[in-house]
Each structure stands twice: as structure tokens, then as C-alpha cells.
Amino acid sequence: MEEKNNDLIIGRNAVLEALKSERAIDTLLVARGDRTGSIGKIIGECREKGVVVKEVDRKKLDFMCGGSSHQGIAAYAAAHEYADVDDIFAAAEAKGEKPFIVVCDEVEDPHNLGAIIRSADAAGAHGVIIPKRRNATLNYIVGKTSAGAVEYVPVARVPNLPSLLDELKERGVWVYGADMDGQSWCETDFTGGVALVIGSEGKGLGRLVKEKCDFIVSLPMKGKVNSLNASVAAGILMFEVSRQR
């Protein structure tokens, strides 16, 4: 069940006004089967802007809106505007550095995404890339957990991660996937252009994403639990990239 928070815009007029004012919209929620009145127009505008549109059960929408009259529609405002992939490359170029990019492969916990963005800022990464589907988005929880880092780290959202990784490689970036059974993290050369891919909390890297990686890197596990929290693993690897630079 989604956590209620203060980034939810409730009702048709409120959502239309948010779109009109160019406010960054993260996700549009529509009551399943409801296409009456202005809902079709709102859905159309959101799709034009690349906003993810989700159908949800009306009872769930009732709960999320805390009993407010939602008229079959609500939207999550983004904690910050999304960037383009080109913005991330421009940030690296402006600093005279080779690109250092963190890619999240279905990191669904917003607290983990916020912590990854915070670590990316501290380690000097030029940006973070997330998929449009099955990943935490730039919502209120992510913004809060990042401790303000969303204001400084460009976050781009793409429809297809395997295609994105192909694009990064064409632009001179090596792709490193964090997963078990890879080469040792401290014996890996991170001095070139780097895209560090962090897998989901439950299943790690997706098959297609893993196949696109140039290298798989692993952290040594000496305890009885054979995996680390996604944001913790990301933080350790990001600072190794930073150390080598």
C-alpha cells in the first residue's frame, strides 16, 4: 500500500491546473474504467509530457486521497524536474571529467532511491538514470531521503534500460553491473567513463540489463547474509569509483 504524503494532487481541476502551470508531474493515477468528462483530456496531456499513467482500483484511490473528492483522478507531483540523459553528459563535460553515471534497474523502494541519489552527490557522480516503469520515482519520500541532493544531481527517466545502456556504450561509457559472482570491486578499473548499474532489492539485475554490462562487479560477503541493501552496495561502489578518480 502506498504511503500517503503531501505530494498528491487531488481532483480533475487541480491536476489540470498543475499541468497548465508546467509543474513536474511524476505519475497520474486514474480510477479503473473511468473515462468520463475531462479525464480523457488529462490522460492525453500527461502522455504528451511523458508522464506515467496508472489505473488503480477506486477504493485504493479513495484511501490514498484520504476521503477527499478525487473525481476519479489524482497525480503525484515530482520532487524535482526530471533531466535528460544529455544533461548528465553536459554536467560531466562542464567539469572536464569522464562521465560517472549511476543507473537503477527497478529499485522500487523510494528510501533506497533517495539514499542512492544522496550518495551519488557525495561521490561526485554526474547523474542518475531510472526506468519509467517498476522503479521508485522522484516523489516526496525520495526527495526527503536524499536530504536535498535531488536539487543537485540530475535524474533522467528512460523507457528502456537495455537500449539506454547501448547508447551509453556508444558514447564511450563502460557499463559495470553490481551483482553476485562478478570480479572483485577493488580489482576493477573504474578510471574511464563509468555507468554503475544497481539492481532491484529482490532479484538484482534483470537478465537483459545484465547481458548489456561490460563488467560484473561484486563485493565480498563474509557474513551469513549473502547480499547488501541496494543503496549500501551502491554507496560503497560509488566511493570506489570516486577514489580511483
C-alpha atoms as a PDB file:
ATOM      1  CA  MET A   1       0.000   0.000   0.000  1.00  0.00           C
ATOM      2  CA  GLU A   2       1.404   3.376  -0.964  1.00  0.00           C
ATOM      3  CA  GLU A   3       2.375   5.828   1.748  1.00  0.00           C
ATOM      4  CA  LYS A   4       0.202   8.932   1.897  1.00  0.00           C
ATOM      5  CA  ASN A   5       2.201  12.121   1.609  1.00  0.00           C
ATOM      6  CA  ASN A   6       1.904  15.746   0.687  1.00  0.00           C
ATOM      7  CA  ASP A   7       2.864  15.460  -2.980  1.00  0.00           C
ATOM      8  CA  LEU A   8      -0.548  14.161  -4.092  1.00  0.00           C
ATOM      9  CA  ILE A   9      -2.649  16.488  -6.278  1.00  0.00           C
ATOM     10  CA  ILE A  10      -6.315  15.522  -5.967  1.00  0.00           C
ATOM     11  CA  GLY A  11      -9.167  16.118  -8.407  1.00  0.00           C
ATOM     12  CA  ARG A  12      -9.566  16.997 -12.083  1.00  0.00           C
ATOM     13  CA  ASN A  13      -9.295  20.783 -11.849  1.00  0.00           C
ATOM     14  CA  ALA A  14      -6.280  20.609  -9.533  1.00  0.00           C
ATOM     15  CA  VAL A  15      -4.453  18.230 -11.879  1.00  0.00           C
ATOM     16  CA  LEU A  16      -5.330  20.334 -14.944  1.00  0.00           C
ATOM     17  CA  GLU A  17      -4.041  23.479 -13.244  1.00  0.00           C
ATOM     18  CA  ALA A  18      -0.822  21.695 -12.261  1.00  0.00           C
ATOM     19  CA  LEU A  19      -0.309  20.672 -15.897  1.00  0.00           C
ATOM     20  CA  LYS A  20      -1.104  24.190 -17.105  1.00  0.00           C
ATOM     21  CA  SER A  21       1.446  25.701 -14.701  1.00  0.00           C
ATOM     22  CA  GLU A  22       4.128  23.285 -16.003  1.00  0.00           C
ATOM     23  CA  ARG A  23       4.520  21.698 -12.580  1.00  0.00           C
ATOM     24  CA  ALA A  24       6.541  18.473 -12.799  1.00  0.00           C
ATOM     25  CA  ILE A  25       4.118  15.542 -12.614  1.00  0.00           C
ATOM     26  CA  ASP A  26       5.555  12.171 -11.692  1.00  0.00           C
ATOM     27  CA  THR A  27       2.627   9.753 -12.067  1.00  0.00           C
ATOM     28  CA  LEU A  28      -1.069  10.136 -12.963  1.00  0.00           C
ATOM     29  CA  LEU A  29      -3.485   7.852 -11.100  1.00  0.00           C
ATOM     30  CA  VAL A  30      -6.835   7.124 -12.754  1.00  0.00           C
ATOM     31  CA  ALA A  31      -9.733   5.142 -11.270  1.00  0.00           C
ATOM     32  CA  ARG A  32     -10.011   1.926 -13.259  1.00  0.00           C
ATOM     33  CA  GLY A  33     -12.556   2.188 -16.080  1.00  0.00           C
ATOM     34  CA  ASP A  34     -13.327   5.908 -15.564  1.00  0.00           C
ATOM     35  CA  ARG A  35     -13.041   7.975 -18.756  1.00  0.00           C
ATOM     36  CA  THR A  36     -15.823  10.485 -18.146  1.00  0.00           C
ATOM     37  CA  GLY A  37     -15.631  14.240 -18.615  1.00  0.00           C
ATOM     38  CA  SER A  38     -12.152  15.760 -18.715  1.00  0.00           C
ATOM     39  CA  ILE A  39     -10.309  12.580 -17.722  1.00  0.00           C
ATOM     40  CA  GLY A  40      -9.516  11.715 -21.345  1.00  0.00           C
ATOM     41  CA  LYS A  41      -8.028  15.186 -21.886  1.00  0.00           C
ATOM     42  CA  ILE A  42      -5.888  14.907 -18.741  1.00  0.00           C
ATOM     43  CA  ILE A  43      -4.595  11.471 -19.756  1.00  0.00           C
ATOM     44  CA  GLY A  44      -3.750  12.792 -23.224  1.00  0.00           C
ATOM     45  CA  GLU A  45      -1.829  15.773 -21.854  1.00  0.00           C
ATOM     46  CA  CYS A  46       0.094  13.582 -19.434  1.00  0.00           C
ATOM     47  CA  ARG A  47       1.077  11.122 -22.154  1.00  0.00           C
ATOM     48  CA  GLU A  48       2.280  14.009 -24.337  1.00  0.00           C
ATOM     49  CA  LYS A  49       4.531  15.111 -21.465  1.00  0.00           C
ATOM     50  CA  GLY A  50       5.851  11.595 -20.867  1.00  0.00           C
ATOM     51  CA  VAL A  51       4.063  11.193 -17.519  1.00  0.00           C
ATOM     52  CA  VAL A  52       3.444   7.604 -16.411  1.00  0.00           C
ATOM     53  CA  VAL A  53      -0.331   6.865 -16.311  1.00  0.00           C
ATOM     54  CA  LYS A  54      -1.537   4.143 -13.917  1.00  0.00           C
ATOM     55  CA  GLU A  55      -5.027   2.704 -13.486  1.00  0.00           C
ATOM     56  CA  VAL A  56      -5.857   1.918  -9.860  1.00  0.00           C
ATOM     57  CA  ASP A  57      -8.839   0.486  -8.025  1.00  0.00           C
ATOM     58  CA  ARG A  58     -11.271   3.235  -6.975  1.00  0.00           C
ATOM     59  CA  LYS A  59     -11.223   2.067  -3.351  1.00  0.00           C
ATOM     60  CA  LYS A  60      -7.444   2.359  -3.295  1.00  0.00           C
ATOM     61  CA  LEU A  61      -7.705   5.846  -4.774  1.00  0.00           C
ATOM     62  CA  ASP A  62     -10.277   6.741  -2.076  1.00  0.00           C
ATOM     63  CA  PHE A  63      -7.814   5.630   0.603  1.00  0.00           C
ATOM     64  CA  MET A  64      -4.847   7.423  -0.936  1.00  0.00           C
ATOM     65  CA  CYS A  65      -6.824  10.660  -1.138  1.00  0.00           C
ATOM     66  CA  GLY A  66      -7.901  10.393   2.487  1.00  0.00           C
ATOM     67  CA  GLY A  67     -11.599  10.704   1.696  1.00  0.00           C
ATOM     68  CA  SER A  68     -11.207  13.856  -0.447  1.00  0.00           C
ATOM     69  CA  SER A  69     -13.314  14.111  -3.600  1.00  0.00           C
ATOM     70  CA  HIS A  70     -10.882  12.972  -6.293  1.00  0.00           C
ATOM     71  CA  GLN A  71     -13.374  12.671  -9.210  1.00  0.00           C
ATOM     72  CA  GLY A  72     -11.552   9.560 -10.393  1.00  0.00           C
ATOM     73  CA  ILE A  73      -8.133  11.180 -10.750  1.00  0.00           C
ATOM     74  CA  ALA A  74      -5.069  12.231  -8.779  1.00  0.00           C
ATOM     75  CA  ALA A  75      -1.414  12.849  -9.560  1.00  0.00           C
ATOM     76  CA  TYR A  76       1.881  12.643  -7.772  1.00  0.00           C
ATOM     77  CA  ALA A  77       3.939  15.783  -8.178  1.00  0.00           C
ATOM     78  CA  ALA A  78       7.645  15.151  -8.721  1.00  0.00           C
ATOM     79  CA  ALA A  79      10.028  16.389  -6.030  1.00  0.00           C
ATOM     80  CA  HIS A  80      12.125  17.841  -8.862  1.00  0.00           C
ATOM     81  CA  GLU A  81      12.057  18.146 -12.641  1.00  0.00           C
ATOM     82  CA  TYR A  82      13.485  15.160 -14.492  1.00  0.00           C
ATOM     83  CA  ALA A  83      16.618  15.762 -16.544  1.00  0.00           C
ATOM     84  CA  ASP A  84      17.599  14.397 -19.958  1.00  0.00           C
ATOM     85  CA  VAL A  85      20.471  11.965 -20.447  1.00  0.00           C
ATOM     86  CA  ASP A  86      22.207  14.749 -22.401  1.00  0.00           C
ATOM     87  CA  ASP A  87      22.083  16.929 -19.258  1.00  0.00           C
ATOM     88  CA  ILE A  88      24.131  14.315 -17.406  1.00  0.00           C
ATOM     89  CA  PHE A  89      26.785  14.232 -20.118  1.00  0.00           C
ATOM     90  CA  ALA A  90      26.809  18.047 -20.144  1.00  0.00           C
ATOM     91  CA  ALA A  91      27.417  18.061 -16.366  1.00  0.00           C
ATOM     92  CA  ALA A  92      30.469  15.815 -16.836  1.00  0.00           C
ATOM     93  CA  GLU A  93      31.768  17.942 -19.706  1.00  0.00           C
ATOM     94  CA  ALA A  94      31.348  21.149 -17.696  1.00  0.00           C
ATOM     95  CA  LYS A  95      33.649  19.686 -15.012  1.00  0.00           C
ATOM     96  CA  GLY A  96      36.143  18.351 -17.557  1.00  0.00           C
ATOM     97  CA  GLU A  97      35.549  14.802 -16.295  1.00  0.00           C
ATOM     98  CA  LYS A  98      34.709  11.469 -17.866  1.00  0.00           C
ATOM     99  CA  PRO A  99      31.033  10.589 -17.276  1.00  0.00           C
ATOM    100  CA  PHE A 100      30.173   8.915 -13.978  1.00  0.00           C
ATOM    101  CA  ILE A 101      26.543   7.758 -14.094  1.00  0.00           C
ATOM    102  CA  VAL A 102      24.503   5.625 -11.697  1.00  0.00           C
ATOM    103  CA  VAL A 103      21.766   3.520 -13.315  1.00  0.00           C
ATOM    104  CA  CYS A 104      18.997   1.986 -11.195  1.00  0.00           C
ATOM    105  CA  ASP A 105      17.413  -1.211 -12.523  1.00  0.00           C
ATOM    106  CA  GLU A 106      13.988  -1.441 -10.843  1.00  0.00           C
ATOM    107  CA  VAL A 107      14.995  -0.054  -7.445  1.00  0.00           C
ATOM    108  CA  GLU A 108      11.460   0.084  -6.081  1.00  0.00           C
ATOM    109  CA  ASP A 109      11.959   1.354  -2.524  1.00  0.00           C
ATOM    110  CA  PRO A 110      11.863   5.186  -2.556  1.00  0.00           C
ATOM    111  CA  HIS A 111      14.077   5.281   0.545  1.00  0.00           C
ATOM    112  CA  ASN A 112      16.755   3.337  -1.356  1.00  0.00           C
ATOM    113  CA  LEU A 113      16.494   5.608  -4.396  1.00  0.00           C
ATOM    114  CA  GLY A 114      16.759   8.704  -2.194  1.00  0.00           C
ATOM    115  CA  ALA A 115      19.824   7.282  -0.440  1.00  0.00           C
ATOM    116  CA  ILE A 116      21.431   6.414  -3.810  1.00  0.00           C
ATOM    117  CA  ILE A 117      20.910   9.987  -5.047  1.00  0.00           C
ATOM    118  CA  ARG A 118      22.392  11.338  -1.809  1.00  0.00           C
ATOM    119  CA  SER A 119      25.470   9.111  -2.168  1.00  0.00           C
ATOM    120  CA  ALA A 120      25.759   9.996  -5.871  1.00  0.00           C
ATOM    121  CA  ASP A 121      26.011  13.660  -4.911  1.00  0.00           C
ATOM    122  CA  ALA A 122      28.624  12.960  -2.234  1.00  0.00           C
ATOM    123  CA  ALA A 123      30.725  10.724  -4.517  1.00  0.00           C
ATOM    124  CA  GLY A 124      30.714  13.170  -7.415  1.00  0.00           C
ATOM    125  CA  ALA A 125      28.501  11.253  -9.852  1.00  0.00           C
ATOM    126  CA  HIS A 126      27.193  13.379 -12.709  1.00  0.00           C
ATOM    127  CA  GLY A 127      23.688  11.932 -12.692  1.00  0.00           C
ATOM    128  CA  VAL A 128      21.299   9.059 -12.028  1.00  0.00           C
ATOM    129  CA  ILE A 129      19.138   7.244 -14.588  1.00  0.00           C
ATOM    130  CA  ILE A 130      15.985   5.294 -13.728  1.00  0.00           C
ATOM    131  CA  PRO A 131      13.436   3.391 -15.850  1.00  0.00           C
ATOM    132  CA  LYS A 132       9.907   4.743 -16.278  1.00  0.00           C
ATOM    133  CA  ARG A 133       8.301   1.514 -15.077  1.00  0.00           C
ATOM    134  CA  ARG A 134       8.800  -0.648 -11.985  1.00  0.00           C
ATOM    135  CA  ASN A 135      11.117   1.789 -10.241  1.00  0.00           C
ATOM    136  CA  ALA A 136      10.733   4.324  -7.469  1.00  0.00           C
ATOM    137  CA  THR A 137      10.226   7.823  -8.880  1.00  0.00           C
ATOM    138  CA  LEU A 138      11.114  11.348  -7.752  1.00  0.00           C
ATOM    139  CA  ASN A 139       8.355  11.575  -5.194  1.00  0.00           C
ATOM    140  CA  TYR A 140       8.218  13.298  -1.822  1.00  0.00           C
ATOM    141  CA  ILE A 141       9.809  10.359   0.038  1.00  0.00           C
ATOM    142  CA  VAL A 142      12.756  10.205  -2.386  1.00  0.00           C
ATOM    143  CA  GLY A 143      13.277  13.961  -2.116  1.00  0.00           C
ATOM    144  CA  LYS A 144      13.240  13.816   1.682  1.00  0.00           C
ATOM    145  CA  THR A 145      15.541  10.773   1.904  1.00  0.00           C
ATOM    146  CA  SER A 146      18.027  12.373  -0.497  1.00  0.00           C
ATOM    147  CA  ALA A 147      18.442  15.225   2.041  1.00  0.00           C
ATOM    148  CA  GLY A 148      18.167  17.772  -0.754  1.00  0.00           C
ATOM    149  CA  ALA A 149      20.526  16.033  -3.200  1.00  0.00           C
ATOM    150  CA  VAL A 150      17.740  15.910  -5.833  1.00  0.00           C
ATOM    151  CA  GLU A 151      18.362  19.637  -6.265  1.00  0.00           C
ATOM    152  CA  TYR A 152      21.938  18.994  -7.415  1.00  0.00           C
ATOM    153  CA  VAL A 153      22.025  15.544  -9.050  1.00  0.00           C
ATOM    154  CA  PRO A 154      20.289  15.306 -12.462  1.00  0.00           C
ATOM    155  CA  VAL A 155      17.893  12.342 -12.564  1.00  0.00           C
ATOM    156  CA  ALA A 156      16.779  11.152 -16.007  1.00  0.00           C
ATOM    157  CA  ARG A 157      13.947   8.713 -16.647  1.00  0.00           C
ATOM    158  CA  VAL A 158      14.050   6.451 -19.724  1.00  0.00           C
ATOM    159  CA  PRO A 159      11.542   3.982 -21.223  1.00  0.00           C
ATOM    160  CA  ASN A 160      14.023   1.158 -21.876  1.00  0.00           C
ATOM    161  CA  LEU A 161      17.177   0.437 -19.864  1.00  0.00           C
ATOM    162  CA  PRO A 162      18.849  -2.062 -22.252  1.00  0.00           C
ATOM    163  CA  SER A 163      18.585   0.490 -25.088  1.00  0.00           C
ATOM    164  CA  LEU A 164      19.894   3.194 -22.763  1.00  0.00           C
ATOM    165  CA  LEU A 165      22.947   1.072 -21.912  1.00  0.00           C
ATOM    166  CA  ASP A 166      23.652   0.610 -25.638  1.00  0.00           C
ATOM    167  CA  GLU A 167      23.501   4.397 -26.028  1.00  0.00           C
ATOM    168  CA  LEU A 168      25.892   4.947 -23.120  1.00  0.00           C
ATOM    169  CA  LYS A 169      28.401   2.482 -24.612  1.00  0.00           C
ATOM    170  CA  GLU A 170      28.192   4.242 -27.978  1.00  0.00           C
ATOM    171  CA  ARG A 171      29.089   7.461 -26.135  1.00  0.00           C
ATOM    172  CA  GLY A 172      32.263   5.986 -24.649  1.00  0.00           C
ATOM    173  CA  VAL A 173      30.983   4.803 -21.282  1.00  0.00           C
ATOM    174  CA  TRP A 174      31.830   1.376 -19.804  1.00  0.00           C
ATOM    175  CA  VAL A 175      28.894  -0.362 -18.089  1.00  0.00           C
ATOM    176  CA  TYR A 176      29.518  -2.051 -14.729  1.00  0.00           C
ATOM    177  CA  GLY A 177      26.745  -4.149 -13.196  1.00  0.00           C
ATOM    178  CA  ALA A 178      26.718  -4.773  -9.453  1.00  0.00           C
ATOM    179  CA  ASP A 179      25.804  -8.417  -8.878  1.00  0.00           C
ATOM    180  CA  MET A 180      26.981 -11.620  -7.228  1.00  0.00           C
ATOM    181  CA  ASP A 181      29.624 -13.821  -8.872  1.00  0.00           C
ATOM    182  CA  GLY A 182      31.421 -10.930 -10.565  1.00  0.00           C
ATOM    183  CA  GLN A 183      35.009  -9.753 -10.399  1.00  0.00           C
ATOM    184  CA  SER A 184      36.228  -8.130  -7.187  1.00  0.00           C
ATOM    185  CA  TRP A 185      35.218  -4.478  -6.857  1.00  0.00           C
ATOM    186  CA  CYS A 186      38.650  -3.412  -5.591  1.00  0.00           C
ATOM    187  CA  GLU A 187      40.426  -5.081  -8.537  1.00  0.00           C
ATOM    188  CA  THR A 188      38.258  -3.333 -11.141  1.00  0.00           C
ATOM    189  CA  ASP A 189      39.434  -0.340 -13.170  1.00  0.00           C
ATOM    190  CA  PHE A 190      36.858   2.472 -12.872  1.00  0.00           C
ATOM    191  CA  THR A 191      39.060   5.246 -14.264  1.00  0.00           C
ATOM    192  CA  GLY A 192      37.249   5.657 -17.614  1.00  0.00           C
ATOM    193  CA  GLY A 193      33.676   6.684 -18.322  1.00  0.00           C
ATOM    194  CA  VAL A 194      31.526   4.709 -15.871  1.00  0.00           C
ATOM    195  CA  ALA A 195      27.883   3.657 -15.745  1.00  0.00           C
ATOM    196  CA  LEU A 196      27.319   1.775 -12.490  1.00  0.00           C
ATOM    197  CA  VAL A 197      24.139  -0.341 -12.641  1.00  0.00           C
ATOM    198  CA  ILE A 198      22.401  -1.205  -9.357  1.00  0.00           C
ATOM    199  CA  GLY A 199      19.801  -3.984  -9.420  1.00  0.00           C
ATOM    200  CA  SER A 200      16.480  -4.274  -7.637  1.00  0.00           C
ATOM    201  CA  GLU A 201      16.230  -5.115  -3.940  1.00  0.00           C
ATOM    202  CA  GLY A 202      14.755  -8.567  -4.524  1.00  0.00           C
ATOM    203  CA  LYS A 203      16.084 -10.045  -7.757  1.00  0.00           C
ATOM    204  CA  GLY A 204      19.137  -7.953  -8.582  1.00  0.00           C
ATOM    205  CA  LEU A 205      19.917  -7.120 -12.193  1.00  0.00           C
ATOM    206  CA  GLY A 206      17.393  -8.068 -14.862  1.00  0.00           C
ATOM    207  CA  ARG A 207      18.576 -10.594 -17.440  1.00  0.00           C
ATOM    208  CA  LEU A 208      18.629  -8.215 -20.413  1.00  0.00           C
ATOM    209  CA  VAL A 209      20.295  -5.469 -18.387  1.00  0.00           C
ATOM    210  CA  LYS A 210      22.956  -7.886 -17.105  1.00  0.00           C
ATOM    211  CA  GLU A 211      23.698  -9.042 -20.660  1.00  0.00           C
ATOM    212  CA  LYS A 212      24.392  -5.422 -21.668  1.00  0.00           C
ATOM    213  CA  CYS A 213      27.004  -4.897 -18.930  1.00  0.00           C
ATOM    214  CA  ASP A 214      30.666  -4.869 -19.929  1.00  0.00           C
ATOM    215  CA  PHE A 215      31.701  -6.000 -16.441  1.00  0.00           C
ATOM    216  CA  ILE A 216      30.004  -7.554 -13.420  1.00  0.00           C
ATOM    217  CA  VAL A 217      31.493  -6.452 -10.107  1.00  0.00           C
ATOM    218  CA  SER A 218      30.904  -7.940  -6.662  1.00  0.00           C
ATOM    219  CA  LEU A 219      31.523  -7.013  -3.054  1.00  0.00           C
ATOM    220  CA  PRO A 220      32.991  -9.707  -0.748  1.00  0.00           C
ATOM    221  CA  MET A 221      30.450 -11.237   1.647  1.00  0.00           C
ATOM    222  CA  LYS A 222      31.867 -12.650   4.888  1.00  0.00           C
ATOM    223  CA  GLY A 223      28.662 -12.891   6.889  1.00  0.00           C
ATOM    224  CA  LYS A 224      25.773 -15.329   6.764  1.00  0.00           C
ATOM    225  CA  VAL A 225      23.593 -12.971   4.664  1.00  0.00           C
ATOM    226  CA  ASN A 226      24.759 -13.055   1.052  1.00  0.00           C
ATOM    227  CA  SER A 227      23.561  -9.660  -0.127  1.00  0.00           C
ATOM    228  CA  LEU A 228      23.616  -5.986   0.838  1.00  0.00           C
ATOM    229  CA  ASN A 229      20.890  -3.367   0.779  1.00  0.00           C
ATOM    230  CA  ALA A 230      20.840  -1.813  -2.721  1.00  0.00           C
ATOM    231  CA  SER A 231      21.696   1.700  -1.530  1.00  0.00           C
ATOM    232  CA  VAL A 232      24.507   0.476   0.740  1.00  0.00           C
ATOM    233  CA  ALA A 233      26.118  -1.540  -2.086  1.00  0.00           C
ATOM    234  CA  ALA A 234      25.692   1.430  -4.430  1.00  0.00           C
ATOM    235  CA  GLY A 235      27.350   3.774  -1.941  1.00  0.00           C
ATOM    236  CA  ILE A 236      30.390   1.533  -1.440  1.00  0.00           C
ATOM    237  CA  LEU A 237      30.915   1.118  -5.199  1.00  0.00           C
ATOM    238  CA  MET A 238      30.367   4.820  -5.918  1.00  0.00           C
ATOM    239  CA  PHE A 239      33.093   5.804  -3.479  1.00  0.00           C
ATOM    240  CA  GLU A 240      35.473   3.289  -5.052  1.00  0.00           C
ATOM    241  CA  VAL A 241      34.846   4.959  -8.417  1.00  0.00           C
ATOM    242  CA  SER A 242      35.452   8.317  -6.732  1.00  0.00           C
ATOM    243  CA  ARG A 243      38.656   7.074  -5.045  1.00  0.00           C
ATOM    244  CA  GLN A 244      40.115   5.849  -8.342  1.00  0.00           C
ATOM    245  CA  ARG A 245      39.399   9.224  -9.917  1.00  0.00           C
END
